[in-house]
N, C-alpha and C. Protein backbone atom coordinates (compact mmCIF):
# COMPACT_ATOMS: atom_id res chain seq x y z
N MET A 1 0.16 14.90 100.98
CA MET A 1 1.24 15.69 100.67
C MET A 1 2.12 15.90 102.10
N PRO A 2 3.36 15.91 102.12
CA PRO A 2 3.99 16.14 103.34
C PRO A 2 4.00 17.36 103.83
N LYS A 3 4.09 17.58 105.16
CA LYS A 3 3.94 19.06 105.77
C LYS A 3 5.37 19.53 106.11
N TYR A 4 5.90 20.61 105.75
CA TYR A 4 7.09 21.20 106.05
C TYR A 4 6.97 22.50 106.94
N PHE A 5 7.89 22.61 107.72
CA PHE A 5 7.98 23.86 108.78
C PHE A 5 9.15 24.56 108.42
N PHE A 6 9.20 25.89 108.75
CA PHE A 6 10.00 27.01 108.21
C PHE A 6 10.48 27.71 109.30
N ASP A 7 11.34 27.22 110.19
CA ASP A 7 11.70 27.88 111.39
C ASP A 7 12.68 28.91 110.85
N ILE A 8 12.73 30.19 111.58
CA ILE A 8 13.59 31.38 111.67
C ILE A 8 14.51 31.36 112.68
N MET A 9 16.07 31.29 112.43
CA MET A 9 16.97 31.51 113.13
C MET A 9 17.72 32.90 113.03
N ASP A 10 17.63 33.49 114.07
CA ASP A 10 17.97 34.90 114.19
C ASP A 10 19.29 34.95 115.39
N GLY A 11 19.73 33.74 115.88
CA GLY A 11 20.39 33.99 117.12
C GLY A 11 19.60 32.89 117.99
N VAL A 12 18.32 33.12 117.85
CA VAL A 12 17.28 32.32 118.54
C VAL A 12 16.20 31.53 117.50
N ARG A 13 16.02 30.35 118.00
CA ARG A 13 15.19 29.63 116.88
C ARG A 13 13.69 30.00 117.10
N HIS A 14 13.05 30.40 116.17
CA HIS A 14 11.63 30.80 116.19
C HIS A 14 10.77 29.74 115.23
N GLU A 15 10.16 28.78 115.94
CA GLU A 15 9.68 27.64 115.49
C GLU A 15 8.26 27.93 114.61
N ASP A 16 8.27 27.37 113.54
CA ASP A 16 6.89 27.50 112.73
C ASP A 16 5.97 26.47 113.29
N VAL A 17 4.86 26.54 114.10
CA VAL A 17 4.13 25.65 114.49
C VAL A 17 2.99 25.08 113.55
N ARG A 18 2.72 26.00 112.40
CA ARG A 18 1.63 25.60 111.55
C ARG A 18 2.23 24.81 110.27
N GLY A 19 3.39 25.21 109.65
CA GLY A 19 3.77 24.47 108.44
C GLY A 19 2.83 24.75 107.40
N MET A 20 3.27 24.10 106.32
CA MET A 20 2.92 24.16 104.98
C MET A 20 2.99 22.90 104.20
N GLU A 21 2.03 22.40 103.39
CA GLU A 21 2.26 20.96 102.67
C GLU A 21 2.89 21.52 101.31
N PHE A 22 3.88 20.57 100.87
CA PHE A 22 4.49 20.68 99.73
C PHE A 22 4.64 19.31 99.11
N PRO A 23 4.69 19.12 97.80
CA PRO A 23 4.72 17.73 97.34
C PRO A 23 6.11 17.03 97.58
N ASN A 24 7.11 17.81 97.77
CA ASN A 24 8.59 17.17 98.12
C ASN A 24 9.57 18.16 98.60
N ASP A 25 10.58 17.64 98.96
CA ASP A 25 11.66 18.48 99.63
C ASP A 25 12.26 19.60 98.72
N TRP A 26 12.22 19.36 97.33
CA TRP A 26 12.81 20.34 96.49
C TRP A 26 11.81 21.46 96.50
N SER A 27 10.54 21.41 96.39
CA SER A 27 9.50 22.44 96.30
C SER A 27 9.56 23.40 98.02
N ALA A 28 9.86 22.60 99.08
CA ALA A 28 9.80 23.17 100.25
C ALA A 28 11.42 24.12 100.19
N LYS A 29 12.34 23.44 99.81
CA LYS A 29 13.44 24.27 99.74
C LYS A 29 13.35 25.48 98.82
N SER A 30 12.98 25.49 97.71
CA SER A 30 12.38 26.40 96.59
C SER A 30 11.80 27.55 97.57
N HIS A 31 10.65 27.27 98.49
CA HIS A 31 9.87 27.99 98.95
C HIS A 31 10.55 28.82 100.00
N ALA A 32 11.58 28.08 100.82
CA ALA A 32 12.38 28.73 101.85
C ALA A 32 13.33 29.84 101.02
N HIS A 33 13.93 29.39 99.78
CA HIS A 33 14.73 30.33 99.33
C HIS A 33 13.85 31.63 98.89
N ASP A 34 12.81 31.56 98.33
CA ASP A 34 11.91 32.69 97.91
C ASP A 34 11.45 33.51 99.07
N TYR A 35 11.24 32.84 100.16
CA TYR A 35 10.84 33.55 101.67
C TYR A 35 12.16 34.21 101.88
N ALA A 36 13.29 33.81 102.09
CA ALA A 36 14.40 34.49 102.41
C ALA A 36 14.64 35.65 101.51
N GLN A 37 14.56 35.43 100.36
CA GLN A 37 14.99 36.53 99.24
C GLN A 37 13.91 37.72 99.36
N ALA A 38 12.52 37.40 99.68
CA ALA A 38 11.63 38.48 99.91
C ALA A 38 11.80 39.20 101.15
N MET A 39 12.28 38.47 102.24
CA MET A 39 12.64 39.26 103.47
C MET A 39 13.89 40.08 103.43
N VAL A 40 14.90 39.63 102.68
CA VAL A 40 16.17 40.60 102.32
C VAL A 40 15.63 41.82 101.71
N LYS A 41 14.83 41.57 100.65
CA LYS A 41 14.39 42.76 99.69
C LYS A 41 13.54 43.82 100.64
N ARG A 42 12.89 43.29 101.56
CA ARG A 42 11.96 44.12 102.53
C ARG A 42 12.75 44.74 103.58
N SER A 43 13.85 44.38 103.82
CA SER A 43 14.55 44.88 105.10
C SER A 43 15.82 45.88 104.89
N LEU A 44 15.60 46.63 103.68
CA LEU A 44 16.65 47.49 103.15
C LEU A 44 16.86 48.34 104.16
N HIS A 45 15.92 48.77 104.94
CA HIS A 45 16.11 49.92 106.03
C HIS A 45 15.95 49.32 107.40
N GLY A 46 15.86 47.98 107.55
CA GLY A 46 15.68 47.36 108.75
C GLY A 46 16.81 46.61 109.31
N PRO A 47 16.65 45.40 110.19
CA PRO A 47 17.96 44.78 110.57
C PRO A 47 18.48 44.22 109.58
N ASN A 48 19.82 43.88 109.97
CA ASN A 48 21.02 43.14 109.17
C ASN A 48 20.52 41.62 109.19
N LEU A 49 20.21 41.12 108.25
CA LEU A 49 19.66 39.85 108.09
C LEU A 49 20.61 38.74 107.77
N ALA A 50 21.97 39.21 107.50
CA ALA A 50 22.95 38.40 106.81
C ALA A 50 23.29 37.00 107.68
N GLU A 51 22.97 37.12 108.77
CA GLU A 51 23.08 35.79 109.81
C GLU A 51 22.07 34.94 109.88
N TRP A 52 20.87 35.51 109.60
CA TRP A 52 19.52 34.94 109.70
C TRP A 52 19.43 33.61 108.79
N GLU A 53 18.68 32.76 109.06
CA GLU A 53 18.64 31.56 108.06
C GLU A 53 17.21 30.87 108.45
N VAL A 54 16.55 30.29 107.35
CA VAL A 54 15.37 29.41 107.40
C VAL A 54 15.96 28.07 107.54
N VAL A 55 15.31 27.29 108.62
CA VAL A 55 15.53 26.06 108.79
C VAL A 55 14.23 25.09 108.19
N VAL A 56 14.49 24.34 107.18
CA VAL A 56 13.51 23.76 106.83
C VAL A 56 13.28 22.30 107.36
N ARG A 57 12.06 21.90 108.00
CA ARG A 57 12.22 20.55 108.33
C ARG A 57 10.72 19.87 108.18
N ASP A 58 10.75 18.70 108.02
CA ASP A 58 9.59 17.87 108.02
C ASP A 58 9.07 17.44 109.28
N THR A 59 8.31 16.41 109.23
CA THR A 59 7.81 15.78 110.69
C THR A 59 8.82 15.06 111.45
N GLU A 60 9.75 14.78 110.49
CA GLU A 60 10.74 13.68 111.02
C GLU A 60 12.18 14.09 111.17
N HIS A 61 12.69 15.12 110.36
CA HIS A 61 14.16 15.70 110.37
C HIS A 61 14.15 16.90 109.64
N GLU A 62 15.36 17.49 109.90
CA GLU A 62 15.68 18.81 109.09
C GLU A 62 16.08 18.46 107.67
N VAL A 63 15.58 19.19 106.77
CA VAL A 63 15.75 18.70 105.43
C VAL A 63 16.87 19.73 104.76
N THR A 64 17.01 21.14 105.37
CA THR A 64 17.91 21.89 104.79
C THR A 64 17.88 23.34 105.48
N ARG A 65 18.91 23.88 105.43
CA ARG A 65 18.96 25.44 105.85
C ARG A 65 19.24 26.57 104.69
N VAL A 66 18.53 27.60 104.89
CA VAL A 66 18.71 28.53 103.56
C VAL A 66 19.27 29.89 104.40
N LYS A 67 20.22 30.32 104.07
CA LYS A 67 20.92 31.63 104.74
C LYS A 67 20.37 32.67 104.06
N PHE A 68 19.92 33.79 104.79
CA PHE A 68 19.40 34.90 104.21
C PHE A 68 20.41 35.48 102.97
N SER A 69 21.77 35.44 103.50
CA SER A 69 22.67 35.90 102.82
C SER A 69 22.94 35.29 101.45
N ASP A 70 22.47 34.15 101.56
CA ASP A 70 22.66 33.11 100.15
C ASP A 70 21.58 33.42 99.18
N ALA A 71 20.49 34.00 99.84
CA ALA A 71 19.18 34.03 99.04
C ALA A 71 19.18 35.62 98.38
N ASP A 72 20.36 36.34 98.56
CA ASP A 72 20.19 37.70 98.11
C ASP A 72 21.10 37.68 97.05
N GLU A 73 20.67 36.76 95.93
CA GLU A 73 21.37 36.48 94.77
C GLU A 73 20.61 36.66 93.55
């Protein structure tokens, strides 16, 4: 299975060095959305995450970006 990495962007890129295996891009995108949504729910009294995003990449290229503000739906 392909390995995907989920970098967090909060003005600075925090690279995921471990990654996770998913069967395809769609599954990795879905995971990124769920992760961002969970972070938004947990941060009700924490930092404003509206501008943060998850950058999904595989070993060769960037697959997609998920803004935390879009995941709060």
